[in-house]
Amino acid sequence: MMKNRINVFLIKEDISLESVLIDIRDTGAERVPLTEEYEDYILYVRSQGTHIPGWATNFFEDSLSAESVNAIAVASVSAVLILPVEVVDHKKDELIIRYFVLAFGYGRSLINPSVIEERFGLRCVLNTVKDNSLRMIQFVDVSGSAKRSSEQLPREDRIDAFALDVECNLLNKVTAKSDDGSLLSGMITGGDSLTITKEITIENLASFLRDVYALYECEDYKEHFDWVDNIAAVKDPGLKEKLWDAAIREICSYDAKEDDVWHRLWMAVPVVLDWEKIKGFQIDGQQDEHGKPLLYQDIMLKNIVQSFRRRPLSSLEQLRNRKIHAISSTGDNAVYTWTADKCLVGDLTFDDKSYCISDGKWYEIQTDYLKRINSDFENTSHSVIPFISYLDTYEKEIQVPEGVGGKLVSVKSEGRYNYEIQCQLNAGEVAHYLLMDRKDITYGGGNSKEEFCDVLTDQGQRIHVKRCAGSAAMSHLFNQGLVSASLEKDADEFVRLVDDKIVQVACDRGVSLDHFLLTQNKIKEVIFAVVPERRYDHPDLPFFSKVALASVKKQLNRMGIKTYFNWIPRKKAEASA
């Protein structure tokens, strides 16, 4: 029997057959009849006739002969096969019908993404392969950056051979080698779908899928990959609806003047892009004054919200109907199109539980994992440094003599706070605190710059200050402290550059250099001081910010550096400018 490569999706329970595919009338797909033996199977095919690729006409213009043009012409076919399979539900100990979908060509584009069982293929693969047989993985950082990564090893190995942080990365897809003779023998890939090359045809397909479902339901993966369950897909439709309602309310409460980085929910591209092919993003059909697509360099939540001018955003349905197009760098056509809900990322607290969203899918933070991270955060030591209160008046911009040579510069928010605290803490005869805020160090080649810290003490302490915001901003704060400490420990040139900056800053302010230079003032502590958000009754970090802090603490501890976390008191009292 010939081998065939198949891509299989499992449809969620209680989904009607009519909901499995997107609106077929809009796709041009047609149902193709099968023989009577397979009358329960449904096959849809979309055939796109031959066409000339854009590069052929744009680059070669009129230099191609008619014969050459015909040779370049291509056609494409997309198909999906839907079939019901009788499987054993081991939890209920009864036979049930589950729908599977096979996608051929570009057939996945015909499937309604909201009905796909998340991580079906991933679980099948992890239930099959040995822990040392991994070849390639794809994952997304849900702790704040939404960074997407794909890594491949030169030879089979374990998960720790990859740069995957199981605490804050969501594993999306894995490729691994399964033993010969197993159900999924050979090289297999699993994510939301299962991709396998095997001796399978329509004749033995149902029997094969029945066995695959049994494999999906077992829990062998917990022996080596139990951490996958730290973040589990939310399957309850009622809970998903409540989470979306809470998310919409959260989004609508945001200050439109604030950048996305300050929000717990924000927008990100849901796929890995070839950025050379993209010149910008268009929201729905928005156009500029010249009738060209109105382009944004990034997908920003505030721009999405502002696009609902006639009817303010109030429902998930509106997000699902709002299209975001990635526009080609060679024309005005869309290379990719997503609905706005698929671009939403971040984390949310609902009914005292923590959830995160990625690619429009909700995930629940499992109880044991949640308790462990919260306990780690609560047990983080507090510095004895007497942090002054953050006054609301600090949001107002003022001029202070903190520029080169004592020139006046404008500061507000954290910049204003950093200026005020070093002034007040240095009220005695000897200055023990040096303001290093906005004194970036050019290091690493090109235009790469590192912010050493916000306030430096002469007792080996590096203080980093930030207003509490979404996971992206908080994770950036913690990673900034880690990167700076790592460079100080390992890079002599970085230390020299920082010392040069310290000499300049101290000279500008008439401060003694005694004990400030890093060559004498070795790093002992990294202190993160955070201003709580005004709109929350009790100060708390987004969950994945706590995850990021836990990870940074471990790495700093390995370097012999103590980590502290302090909430900065916040007051509404007026202060003199």
Protein backbone atom coordinates (compact mmCIF):
# COMPACT_ATOMS: atom_id res chain seq x y z
CA MET A 1 0.00 0.00 0.00
CA MET A 2 1.30 3.47 -0.89
CA LYS A 3 2.03 5.91 1.91
CA ASN A 4 -0.01 9.11 2.11
CA ARG A 5 0.65 12.27 4.08
CA ILE A 6 -2.47 13.32 5.98
CA ASN A 7 -3.27 16.29 8.19
CA VAL A 8 -6.00 15.43 10.72
CA PHE A 9 -8.12 17.70 12.93
CA LEU A 10 -10.47 16.61 15.72
CA ILE A 11 -13.68 18.63 16.01
CA LYS A 12 -14.88 19.63 19.46
CA GLU A 13 -17.79 17.78 21.03
CA ASP A 14 -21.36 18.96 20.48
CA ILE A 15 -20.45 20.87 17.32
CA SER A 16 -23.05 20.65 14.56
CA LEU A 17 -21.92 19.45 11.16
CA GLU A 18 -22.99 22.77 9.65
CA SER A 19 -20.51 24.62 11.88
CA VAL A 20 -17.39 22.63 10.94
CA LEU A 21 -16.56 24.69 7.87
CA ILE A 22 -16.62 28.42 7.29
CA ASP A 23 -19.33 29.77 5.00
CA ILE A 24 -18.76 27.68 1.89
CA ARG A 25 -20.61 30.16 -0.31
CA ASP A 26 -17.83 32.67 0.29
CA THR A 27 -15.03 30.23 -0.50
CA GLY A 28 -16.13 28.88 -3.85
CA ALA A 29 -15.77 25.30 -2.58
CA GLU A 30 -18.17 22.67 -3.87
CA ARG A 31 -19.25 19.35 -2.45
CA VAL A 32 -17.91 16.38 -4.38
CA PRO A 33 -19.93 13.14 -4.12
CA LEU A 34 -18.26 9.90 -3.01
CA THR A 35 -19.42 6.36 -3.66
CA GLU A 36 -22.35 4.93 -1.72
CA GLU A 37 -19.97 3.07 0.59
CA TYR A 38 -18.79 6.42 1.99
CA GLU A 39 -22.08 8.30 1.93
CA ASP A 40 -21.49 9.54 5.52
CA TYR A 41 -18.26 11.20 4.44
CA ILE A 42 -18.37 14.78 3.18
CA LEU A 43 -15.78 16.05 0.70
CA TYR A 44 -15.52 19.72 -0.28
CA VAL A 45 -13.09 20.89 -2.96
CA ARG A 46 -12.08 24.38 -4.04
CA SER A 47 -10.24 24.50 -7.33
CA GLN A 48 -8.56 27.68 -8.42
CA GLY A 49 -7.88 27.76 -12.13
CA THR A 50 -4.50 28.48 -13.59
CA HIS A 51 -3.16 31.96 -12.95
CA ILE A 52 0.07 33.83 -13.49
CA PRO A 53 2.06 34.54 -10.29
CA GLY A 54 2.46 38.21 -9.49
CA TRP A 55 6.25 38.08 -9.70
CA ALA A 56 6.03 36.88 -13.33
CA THR A 57 4.22 40.00 -14.53
CA ASN A 58 5.69 42.52 -12.07
CA PHE A 59 9.33 41.58 -12.66
CA PHE A 60 9.46 40.26 -16.23
CA GLU A 61 6.78 42.67 -17.53
CA ASP A 62 6.42 42.06 -21.33
CA SER A 63 9.66 40.11 -21.78
CA LEU A 64 8.00 36.68 -21.57
CA SER A 65 6.62 34.95 -24.64
CA ALA A 66 3.12 33.47 -24.60
CA GLU A 67 4.66 30.02 -24.37
CA SER A 68 6.73 31.03 -21.35
CA VAL A 69 3.71 32.55 -19.65
CA ASN A 70 1.81 29.28 -20.07
CA ALA A 71 4.71 27.37 -18.57
CA ILE A 72 4.64 29.58 -15.50
CA ALA A 73 0.87 29.38 -14.98
CA VAL A 74 -0.10 27.44 -11.86
CA ALA A 75 -3.27 26.02 -10.34
CA SER A 76 -4.16 25.06 -6.78
CA VAL A 77 -6.69 22.78 -5.12
CA SER A 78 -7.94 22.89 -1.53
CA ALA A 79 -10.00 20.06 -0.07
CA VAL A 80 -11.44 18.89 3.23
CA LEU A 81 -12.89 15.51 4.10
CA ILE A 82 -15.29 15.37 7.06
CA LEU A 83 -16.15 12.02 8.56
CA PRO A 84 -17.93 10.76 11.68
CA VAL A 85 -16.08 8.10 13.65
CA GLU A 86 -17.51 5.95 16.42
CA VAL A 87 -15.05 6.08 19.32
CA VAL A 88 -14.93 4.99 22.95
CA ASP A 89 -15.38 7.73 25.52
CA HIS A 90 -13.40 6.21 28.40
CA LYS A 91 -14.67 8.76 30.93
CA LYS A 92 -18.29 7.82 30.24
CA ASP A 93 -17.46 4.24 29.18
CA GLU A 94 -19.69 4.48 26.15
CA LEU A 95 -19.54 4.79 22.37
CA ILE A 96 -19.89 8.28 20.96
CA ILE A 97 -19.54 9.91 17.55
CA ARG A 98 -16.69 12.38 17.01
CA TYR A 99 -16.07 14.27 13.79
CA PHE A 100 -12.62 14.36 12.20
CA VAL A 101 -11.50 16.56 9.32
CA LEU A 102 -8.66 15.85 6.90
CA ALA A 103 -7.21 18.85 5.09
CA PHE A 104 -5.55 18.54 1.68
CA GLY A 105 -3.62 21.32 -0.04
CA TYR A 106 -4.80 24.60 1.46
CA GLY A 107 -7.88 22.90 2.91
CA ARG A 108 -7.29 24.21 6.44
CA SER A 109 -8.50 27.62 5.26
CA LEU A 110 -11.95 26.08 4.79
CA ILE A 111 -12.22 24.86 8.41
CA ASN A 112 -13.88 27.00 11.07
CA PRO A 113 -10.95 27.56 13.48
CA SER A 114 -13.23 27.94 16.52
CA VAL A 115 -14.41 24.28 16.30
CA ILE A 116 -10.96 22.68 16.24
CA GLU A 117 -9.92 20.73 19.35
CA GLU A 118 -6.84 22.59 20.57
CA ARG A 119 -3.63 20.57 21.01
CA PHE A 120 -5.18 17.38 19.68
CA GLY A 121 -2.14 16.53 17.56
CA LEU A 122 0.32 17.72 20.19
CA ARG A 123 -1.11 15.37 22.78
CA CYS A 124 -1.12 12.44 20.34
CA VAL A 125 2.57 12.97 19.58
CA LEU A 126 3.61 13.39 23.23
CA ASN A 127 1.67 10.24 24.12
CA THR A 128 3.64 8.34 21.48
CA VAL A 129 7.27 9.44 21.36
CA LYS A 130 10.14 8.97 23.77
CA ASP A 131 11.35 12.04 25.63
CA ASN A 132 14.68 12.03 23.76
CA SER A 133 13.25 11.82 20.22
CA LEU A 134 12.34 15.47 19.62
CA ARG A 135 13.46 17.22 16.44
CA MET A 136 11.63 20.54 16.22
CA ILE A 137 9.27 22.62 18.34
CA GLN A 138 7.22 25.79 17.98
CA PHE A 139 6.23 27.84 20.99
CA VAL A 140 4.99 31.25 22.05
CA ASP A 141 6.03 33.28 25.08
CA VAL A 142 2.81 34.04 26.97
CA SER A 143 4.61 35.85 29.80
CA GLY A 144 4.43 39.22 28.10
CA SER A 145 6.30 39.42 24.81
CA ALA A 146 4.10 37.07 22.71
CA LYS A 147 7.37 36.18 20.97
CA ARG A 148 7.03 33.21 18.62
CA SER A 149 9.89 30.80 18.19
CA SER A 150 10.61 27.78 16.06
CA GLU A 151 13.67 25.66 16.85
CA GLN A 152 15.19 22.63 15.18
CA LEU A 153 17.90 20.33 16.51
CA PRO A 154 20.60 18.71 14.38
CA ARG A 155 19.79 15.38 16.05
CA GLU A 156 17.08 13.92 18.25
CA ASP A 157 17.15 15.11 21.86
CA ARG A 158 15.11 16.03 24.94
CA ILE A 159 13.02 19.14 25.50
CA ASP A 160 15.73 20.79 27.62
CA ALA A 161 17.96 20.92 24.54
CA PHE A 162 15.69 23.68 23.23
CA ALA A 163 15.49 27.25 24.51
CA LEU A 164 12.00 26.55 25.86
CA ASP A 165 11.08 27.90 29.29
CA VAL A 166 8.37 25.52 30.49
CA GLU A 167 7.26 28.13 33.04
CA CYS A 168 6.23 30.82 30.58
CA ASN A 169 6.27 29.33 27.08
CA LEU A 170 3.23 27.68 25.53
CA LEU A 171 4.24 24.69 23.39
CA ASN A 172 2.25 24.86 20.16
CA LYS A 173 3.76 22.17 17.95
CA VAL A 174 6.35 19.41 18.09
CA THR A 175 7.98 17.18 15.49
CA ALA A 176 9.51 13.92 16.71
CA LYS A 177 10.45 10.40 15.63
CA SER A 178 8.15 7.59 16.76
CA ASP A 179 9.32 3.97 16.98
CA ASP A 180 8.70 1.64 14.07
CA GLY A 181 5.71 -0.57 14.71
CA SER A 182 3.83 2.02 16.79
CA LEU A 183 0.51 3.46 15.64
CA LEU A 184 2.19 6.73 14.64
CA SER A 185 5.47 5.33 13.38
CA GLY A 186 8.06 7.51 11.70
CA MET A 187 8.43 11.29 11.77
CA ILE A 188 5.25 12.90 13.09
CA THR A 189 4.14 16.46 13.83
CA GLY A 190 1.47 17.49 16.30
CA GLY A 191 -0.11 20.82 17.17
CA ASP A 192 -3.81 21.49 16.88
CA SER A 193 -3.66 18.94 14.07
CA LEU A 194 -1.78 15.69 13.61
CA THR A 195 0.40 15.29 10.51
CA ILE A 196 1.68 11.84 9.61
CA THR A 197 2.87 9.89 6.57
CA LYS A 198 1.52 6.36 6.68
CA GLU A 199 -0.16 3.58 4.66
CA ILE A 200 -3.58 5.16 4.94
CA THR A 201 -6.37 5.46 2.39
CA ILE A 202 -10.06 6.17 2.71
CA GLU A 203 -10.62 2.43 3.15
CA ASN A 204 -8.80 2.07 6.48
CA LEU A 205 -9.13 5.71 7.60
CA ALA A 206 -11.98 5.30 10.11
CA SER A 207 -10.25 2.40 11.86
CA PHE A 208 -7.02 4.38 12.08
CA LEU A 209 -8.75 7.46 13.50
CA ARG A 210 -10.51 5.34 16.10
CA ASP A 211 -7.11 4.21 17.37
CA VAL A 212 -5.77 7.75 17.19
CA TYR A 213 -8.61 8.98 19.38
CA ALA A 214 -7.79 6.32 21.99
CA LEU A 215 -4.18 7.53 21.87
CA TYR A 216 -5.34 11.13 22.30
CA GLU A 217 -7.33 10.24 25.42
CA CYS A 218 -4.54 8.44 27.26
CA GLU A 219 -2.17 10.26 29.60
CA ASP A 220 1.21 8.64 28.94
CA TYR A 221 2.62 12.11 28.18
CA LYS A 222 2.53 12.98 31.88
CA GLU A 223 5.58 10.83 32.56
CA HIS A 224 7.95 13.18 30.71
CA PHE A 225 5.82 16.14 29.58
CA ASP A 226 3.54 16.81 32.55
CA TRP A 227 4.49 20.51 32.49
CA VAL A 228 2.39 20.87 29.33
CA ASP A 229 -0.67 20.91 31.61
CA ASN A 230 0.53 24.00 33.48
CA ILE A 231 -1.45 25.91 30.86
CA ALA A 232 -4.49 23.96 29.63
CA ALA A 233 -7.01 24.89 26.96
CA VAL A 234 -10.39 26.09 28.24
CA LYS A 235 -13.02 23.77 26.76
CA ASP A 236 -16.20 24.87 28.54
CA PRO A 237 -18.16 27.06 26.03
CA GLY A 238 -19.93 28.88 28.86
CA LEU A 239 -16.64 29.79 30.53
CA LYS A 240 -15.18 30.96 27.22
CA GLU A 241 -18.15 33.26 26.73
CA LYS A 242 -17.69 34.73 30.21
CA LEU A 243 -13.96 35.23 29.59
CA TRP A 244 -14.66 37.05 26.34
CA ASP A 245 -17.23 39.27 28.06
CA ALA A 246 -14.68 40.08 30.78
CA ALA A 247 -12.00 40.75 28.16
CA ILE A 248 -14.24 43.14 26.22
CA ARG A 249 -15.02 45.06 29.42
CA GLU A 250 -11.30 45.18 30.24
CA ILE A 251 -10.41 46.46 26.78
CA CYS A 252 -13.10 49.16 26.87
CA SER A 253 -11.77 50.43 30.22
CA TYR A 254 -8.32 51.19 28.84
CA ASP A 255 -6.97 54.69 28.42
CA ALA A 256 -6.68 55.18 24.66
CA LYS A 257 -3.67 57.45 25.22
CA GLU A 258 -1.63 54.64 26.76
CA ASP A 259 0.48 52.35 24.61
CA ASP A 260 -0.45 48.65 24.42
CA VAL A 261 2.51 47.74 26.62
CA TRP A 262 0.66 49.16 29.63
CA HIS A 263 -2.31 46.85 29.18
CA ARG A 264 -2.89 43.30 30.37
CA LEU A 265 -4.56 42.49 27.06
CA TRP A 266 -3.03 43.68 23.80
CA MET A 267 -2.52 42.73 20.15
CA ALA A 268 0.15 40.70 18.37
CA VAL A 269 0.61 39.02 14.99
CA PRO A 270 -0.70 35.44 15.40
CA VAL A 271 1.80 33.77 13.04
CA VAL A 272 5.50 33.87 12.22
CA LEU A 273 5.80 36.36 9.34
CA ASP A 274 8.32 36.87 6.59
CA TRP A 275 8.62 40.57 7.42
CA GLU A 276 10.33 41.40 4.14
CA LYS A 277 7.04 40.67 2.42
CA ILE A 278 4.99 42.97 4.69
CA LYS A 279 4.81 46.77 4.51
CA GLY A 280 2.12 47.30 7.13
CA PHE A 281 -1.24 46.32 8.57
CA GLN A 282 -4.67 47.51 7.48
CA ILE A 283 -7.79 47.40 9.65
CA ASP A 284 -10.77 46.29 7.61
CA GLY A 285 -10.91 48.41 4.46
CA GLN A 286 -9.54 51.64 5.93
CA GLN A 287 -7.94 53.89 3.30
CA ASP A 288 -5.85 57.04 3.33
CA GLU A 289 -6.63 60.27 1.47
CA HIS A 290 -5.18 58.77 -1.73
CA GLY A 291 -7.42 55.72 -1.69
CA LYS A 292 -4.55 53.47 -0.66
CA PRO A 293 -4.74 51.07 2.32
CA LEU A 294 -4.30 52.99 5.58
CA LEU A 295 -1.33 51.19 7.10
CA TYR A 296 -0.08 50.75 10.66
CA GLN A 297 3.40 49.44 11.44
CA ASP A 298 2.05 47.20 14.20
CA ILE A 299 -1.30 45.80 15.25
CA MET A 300 -2.24 48.05 18.17
CA LEU A 301 -5.22 47.46 20.42
CA LYS A 302 -6.02 51.16 20.65
CA ASN A 303 -6.28 51.38 16.85
CA ILE A 304 -8.62 48.39 16.78
CA VAL A 305 -10.85 49.91 19.47
CA GLN A 306 -10.88 53.28 17.69
CA SER A 307 -12.01 51.59 14.48
CA PHE A 308 -15.40 50.98 16.14
CA ARG A 309 -16.44 54.62 15.93
CA ARG A 310 -20.01 54.28 14.74
CA ARG A 311 -20.79 51.44 17.13
CA PRO A 312 -18.41 51.25 20.13
CA LEU A 313 -16.91 47.86 20.86
CA SER A 314 -19.13 45.84 23.17
CA SER A 315 -19.10 42.23 21.95
CA LEU A 316 -16.95 39.39 20.72
CA GLU A 317 -18.96 39.29 17.52
CA GLN A 318 -17.63 42.74 16.64
CA LEU A 319 -14.03 41.59 17.12
CA ARG A 320 -14.68 38.51 14.99
CA ASN A 321 -16.06 40.68 12.21
CA ARG A 322 -13.13 43.11 12.27
CA LYS A 323 -10.52 42.03 9.72
CA ILE A 324 -6.81 42.79 9.99
CA HIS A 325 -4.81 42.52 6.77
CA ALA A 326 -1.03 42.17 6.42
CA ILE A 327 -0.37 44.14 3.22
CA SER A 328 2.23 43.00 0.70
CA SER A 329 5.43 45.01 0.32
CA THR A 330 5.09 44.71 -3.49
CA GLY A 331 1.48 45.85 -3.83
CA ASP A 332 -1.72 46.67 -1.98
CA ASN A 333 -2.96 43.10 -1.70
CA ALA A 334 -3.30 41.23 1.59
CA VAL A 335 -0.72 38.50 2.19
CA TYR A 336 -2.49 37.41 5.40
CA THR A 337 -5.86 38.20 6.90
CA TRP A 338 -6.99 37.56 10.48
CA THR A 339 -9.99 38.51 12.55
CA ALA A 340 -9.17 40.82 15.45
CA ASP A 341 -10.01 38.23 18.11
CA LYS A 342 -7.23 35.97 16.76
CA CYS A 343 -4.67 38.71 17.44
CA LEU A 344 -5.58 39.28 21.08
CA VAL A 345 -2.98 38.16 23.63
CA GLY A 346 -2.38 38.67 27.34
CA ASP A 347 -3.71 37.41 30.64
CA LEU A 348 -6.85 37.97 32.68
CA THR A 349 -8.09 37.26 36.20
CA PHE A 350 -11.67 36.00 36.39
CA ASP A 351 -13.45 34.59 39.45
CA ASP A 352 -10.10 34.50 41.31
CA LYS A 353 -8.55 32.28 38.64
CA SER A 354 -5.91 33.18 36.07
CA TYR A 355 -6.30 32.75 32.33
CA CYS A 356 -4.30 33.72 29.28
CA ILE A 357 -5.23 34.13 25.63
CA SER A 358 -3.12 33.39 22.56
CA ASP A 359 -4.30 33.15 18.93
CA GLY A 360 -7.83 33.82 20.12
CA LYS A 361 -7.78 30.72 22.35
CA TRP A 362 -8.26 30.80 26.10
CA TYR A 363 -6.04 28.80 28.44
CA GLU A 364 -6.45 28.23 32.16
CA ILE A 365 -3.53 28.35 34.55
CA GLN A 366 -3.73 25.10 36.47
CA THR A 367 -4.20 25.27 40.26
CA ASP A 368 -0.92 23.68 41.40
CA TYR A 369 1.11 25.80 39.00
CA LEU A 370 -0.81 28.91 40.03
CA LYS A 371 -0.20 28.25 43.73
CA ARG A 372 3.49 27.59 43.19
CA ILE A 373 4.06 30.83 41.25
CA ASN A 374 1.95 32.92 43.64
CA SER A 375 3.80 31.44 46.62
CA ASP A 376 7.15 32.25 45.00
CA PHE A 377 6.04 35.85 44.46
CA GLU A 378 4.70 36.25 48.00
CA ASN A 379 7.97 34.91 49.43
CA THR A 380 10.14 37.31 47.44
CA SER A 381 12.09 39.45 49.88
CA HIS A 382 11.41 43.17 50.31
CA SER A 383 14.23 45.68 50.36
CA VAL A 384 14.63 47.89 53.43
CA ILE A 385 15.28 50.93 51.23
CA PRO A 386 12.72 53.59 52.29
CA PHE A 387 10.93 54.12 48.99
CA ILE A 388 8.98 57.38 48.96
CA SER A 389 5.36 57.49 47.84
CA TYR A 390 4.43 57.94 44.19
CA LEU A 391 2.24 61.04 43.98
CA ASP A 392 -0.37 61.55 41.28
CA THR A 393 1.25 64.88 40.52
CA TYR A 394 4.26 63.00 39.18
CA GLU A 395 2.21 62.43 36.03
CA LYS A 396 2.76 66.12 35.34
CA GLU A 397 5.88 66.95 33.34
CA ILE A 398 8.52 69.21 34.93
CA GLN A 399 12.03 70.42 34.06
CA VAL A 400 14.95 69.10 36.13
CA PRO A 401 18.76 69.61 35.84
CA GLU A 402 19.53 66.03 34.87
CA GLY A 403 20.88 66.50 31.35
CA VAL A 404 24.52 66.47 30.27
CA GLY A 405 26.35 69.28 32.06
CA GLY A 406 23.30 69.96 34.23
CA LYS A 407 21.04 70.97 31.34
CA LEU A 408 17.31 70.93 32.00
CA VAL A 409 15.35 67.92 30.76
CA SER A 410 11.64 67.07 30.93
CA VAL A 411 10.59 64.23 33.22
CA LYS A 412 7.31 62.72 34.37
CA SER A 413 5.92 59.43 35.66
CA GLU A 414 8.78 57.05 36.52
CA GLY A 415 11.36 59.63 35.45
CA ARG A 416 9.91 62.16 37.86
CA TYR A 417 9.76 59.57 40.66
CA ASN A 418 13.37 58.48 40.13
CA TYR A 419 14.50 62.10 40.30
CA GLU A 420 12.50 62.76 43.47
CA ILE A 421 13.63 59.62 45.32
CA GLN A 422 17.33 60.14 44.73
CA CYS A 423 16.96 63.76 45.90
CA GLN A 424 15.14 62.76 49.09
CA LEU A 425 17.32 59.75 49.88
CA ASN A 426 20.43 61.90 49.41
CA ALA A 427 19.18 64.55 51.85
CA GLY A 428 22.02 63.77 54.28
CA GLU A 429 25.62 64.88 54.13
CA VAL A 430 26.76 61.90 52.04
CA ALA A 431 25.09 60.87 48.78
CA HIS A 432 24.52 57.10 48.71
CA TYR A 433 22.23 57.08 45.63
CA LEU A 434 23.07 58.01 42.06
CA LEU A 435 20.39 58.59 39.42
CA MET A 436 21.14 56.51 36.30
CA ASP A 437 17.68 56.72 34.71
CA ARG A 438 17.77 57.38 30.95
CA LYS A 439 21.56 57.01 30.92
CA ASP A 440 21.66 54.23 28.34
CA ILE A 441 24.88 52.35 27.63
CA THR A 442 25.70 51.77 23.96
CA TYR A 443 26.90 48.19 23.92
CA GLY A 444 26.69 45.14 21.67
CA GLY A 445 27.29 46.68 18.27
CA GLY A 446 25.09 48.75 15.99
CA ASN A 447 22.58 50.91 17.81
CA SER A 448 22.09 48.43 20.65
CA LYS A 449 21.60 50.17 23.99
CA GLU A 450 21.18 48.84 27.51
CA GLU A 451 19.69 50.69 30.48
CA PHE A 452 21.96 49.85 33.39
CA CYS A 453 19.49 50.69 36.17
CA ASP A 454 17.33 53.60 37.35
CA VAL A 455 19.05 54.26 40.68
CA LEU A 456 22.49 53.01 41.77
CA THR A 457 23.52 52.74 45.41
CA ASP A 458 27.04 52.56 46.78
CA GLN A 459 26.16 49.33 48.61
CA GLY A 460 26.01 47.01 45.59
CA GLN A 461 22.32 47.61 44.86
CA ARG A 462 20.78 48.18 41.41
CA ILE A 463 17.24 49.61 41.56
CA HIS A 464 14.78 49.32 38.65
CA VAL A 465 11.51 51.28 38.84
CA LYS A 466 8.35 50.83 36.77
CA ARG A 467 4.64 51.56 36.91
CA CYS A 468 2.69 48.31 37.08
CA ALA A 469 1.14 47.46 33.75
CA GLY A 470 0.57 44.49 31.50
CA SER A 471 2.79 41.42 31.37
CA ALA A 472 4.79 42.90 28.48
CA ALA A 473 5.95 45.95 30.46
CA MET A 474 6.61 44.01 33.65
CA SER A 475 8.47 41.20 31.90
CA HIS A 476 10.59 43.84 30.17
CA LEU A 477 11.43 45.33 33.57
CA PHE A 478 12.54 42.00 35.04
CA ASN A 479 14.51 40.98 31.97
CA GLN A 480 16.18 44.39 31.92
CA GLY A 481 17.44 43.76 35.45
CA LEU A 482 18.66 40.29 34.47
CA VAL A 483 20.44 41.41 31.30
CA SER A 484 22.13 44.32 33.04
CA ALA A 485 23.30 42.10 35.92
CA SER A 486 24.55 39.41 33.51
CA LEU A 487 26.57 41.96 31.54
CA GLU A 488 28.00 43.44 34.71
CA LYS A 489 29.10 39.99 35.83
CA ASP A 490 30.53 38.75 32.54
CA ALA A 491 31.42 41.69 30.28
CA ASP A 492 34.41 43.81 31.32
CA GLU A 493 33.83 46.24 28.45
CA PHE A 494 30.25 46.86 29.62
CA VAL A 495 31.54 47.58 33.15
CA ARG A 496 34.06 50.05 31.74
CA LEU A 497 31.35 51.85 29.76
CA VAL A 498 29.07 52.04 32.80
CA ASP A 499 31.91 53.41 34.93
CA ASP A 500 32.54 56.08 32.27
CA LYS A 501 28.85 57.02 32.50
CA ILE A 502 29.02 57.09 36.32
CA VAL A 503 31.99 59.46 36.17
CA GLN A 504 30.02 61.76 33.85
CA VAL A 505 26.86 61.68 35.98
CA ALA A 506 28.76 62.22 39.23
CA CYS A 507 30.70 65.11 37.70
CA ASP A 508 27.51 66.79 36.45
CA ARG A 509 25.97 66.61 39.92
CA GLY A 510 29.06 67.34 41.99
CA VAL A 511 28.79 63.95 43.69
CA SER A 512 31.79 62.06 45.07
CA LEU A 513 32.68 58.93 43.11
CA ASP A 514 33.57 57.08 46.30
CA HIS A 515 32.18 53.54 46.16
CA PHE A 516 29.93 54.11 43.11
CA LEU A 517 32.24 52.78 40.38
CA LEU A 518 31.39 49.18 39.54
CA THR A 519 35.00 48.11 39.82
CA GLN A 520 34.65 48.86 43.57
CA ASN A 521 30.88 48.58 43.99
CA LYS A 522 30.28 44.93 43.05
CA ILE A 523 26.68 43.95 42.40
CA LYS A 524 24.97 42.23 45.34
CA GLU A 525 21.27 42.98 44.93
CA VAL A 526 18.78 43.71 42.16
CA ILE A 527 15.71 45.56 43.44
CA PHE A 528 12.52 45.87 41.43
CA ALA A 529 10.27 48.67 42.71
CA VAL A 530 6.81 48.85 41.15
CA VAL A 531 4.09 51.49 41.33
CA PRO A 532 0.67 49.78 41.62
CA GLU A 533 -2.12 50.51 39.15
CA ARG A 534 -4.73 52.99 40.33
CA ARG A 535 -7.72 51.03 39.05
CA TYR A 536 -7.11 47.99 41.28
CA ASP A 537 -8.04 47.94 44.98
CA HIS A 538 -5.10 45.73 45.95
CA PRO A 539 -1.70 45.82 44.22
CA ASP A 540 -0.92 42.68 42.27
CA LEU A 541 1.15 41.66 39.27
CA PRO A 542 -0.31 39.98 36.20
CA PHE A 543 0.23 36.23 36.61
CA PHE A 544 2.80 35.87 33.85
CA SER A 545 4.73 38.82 35.24
CA LYS A 546 5.11 36.73 38.39
CA VAL A 547 6.28 33.86 36.18
CA ALA A 548 8.88 36.12 34.57
CA LEU A 549 10.04 37.35 37.99
CA ALA A 550 10.37 33.77 39.28
CA SER A 551 12.53 32.89 36.28
CA VAL A 552 14.72 35.98 36.70
CA LYS A 553 15.16 35.28 40.43
CA LYS A 554 16.48 31.80 39.69
CA GLN A 555 19.00 33.08 37.19
CA LEU A 556 20.17 35.93 39.42
CA ASN A 557 20.50 33.50 42.32
CA ARG A 558 22.83 31.32 40.22
CA MET A 559 25.04 34.38 39.84
CA GLY A 560 25.04 34.96 43.59
CA ILE A 561 22.77 38.00 43.35
CA LYS A 562 19.82 38.55 45.70
CA THR A 563 16.46 39.67 44.21
CA TYR A 564 14.06 42.01 45.98
CA PHE A 565 10.59 43.22 45.04
CA ASN A 566 8.90 46.27 46.57
CA TRP A 567 5.55 47.90 46.00
CA ILE A 568 5.93 51.67 45.96
CA PRO A 569 3.24 53.40 48.06
CA ARG A 570 0.86 55.46 45.95
CA LYS A 571 -0.81 58.64 47.21
CA LYS A 572 -3.25 61.14 45.75
CA ALA A 573 -1.98 64.02 47.86
CA GLU A 574 -0.79 67.08 45.98
CA ALA A 575 2.94 67.74 45.80
CA SER A 576 4.79 70.86 44.85
CA ALA A 577 6.28 70.83 41.37
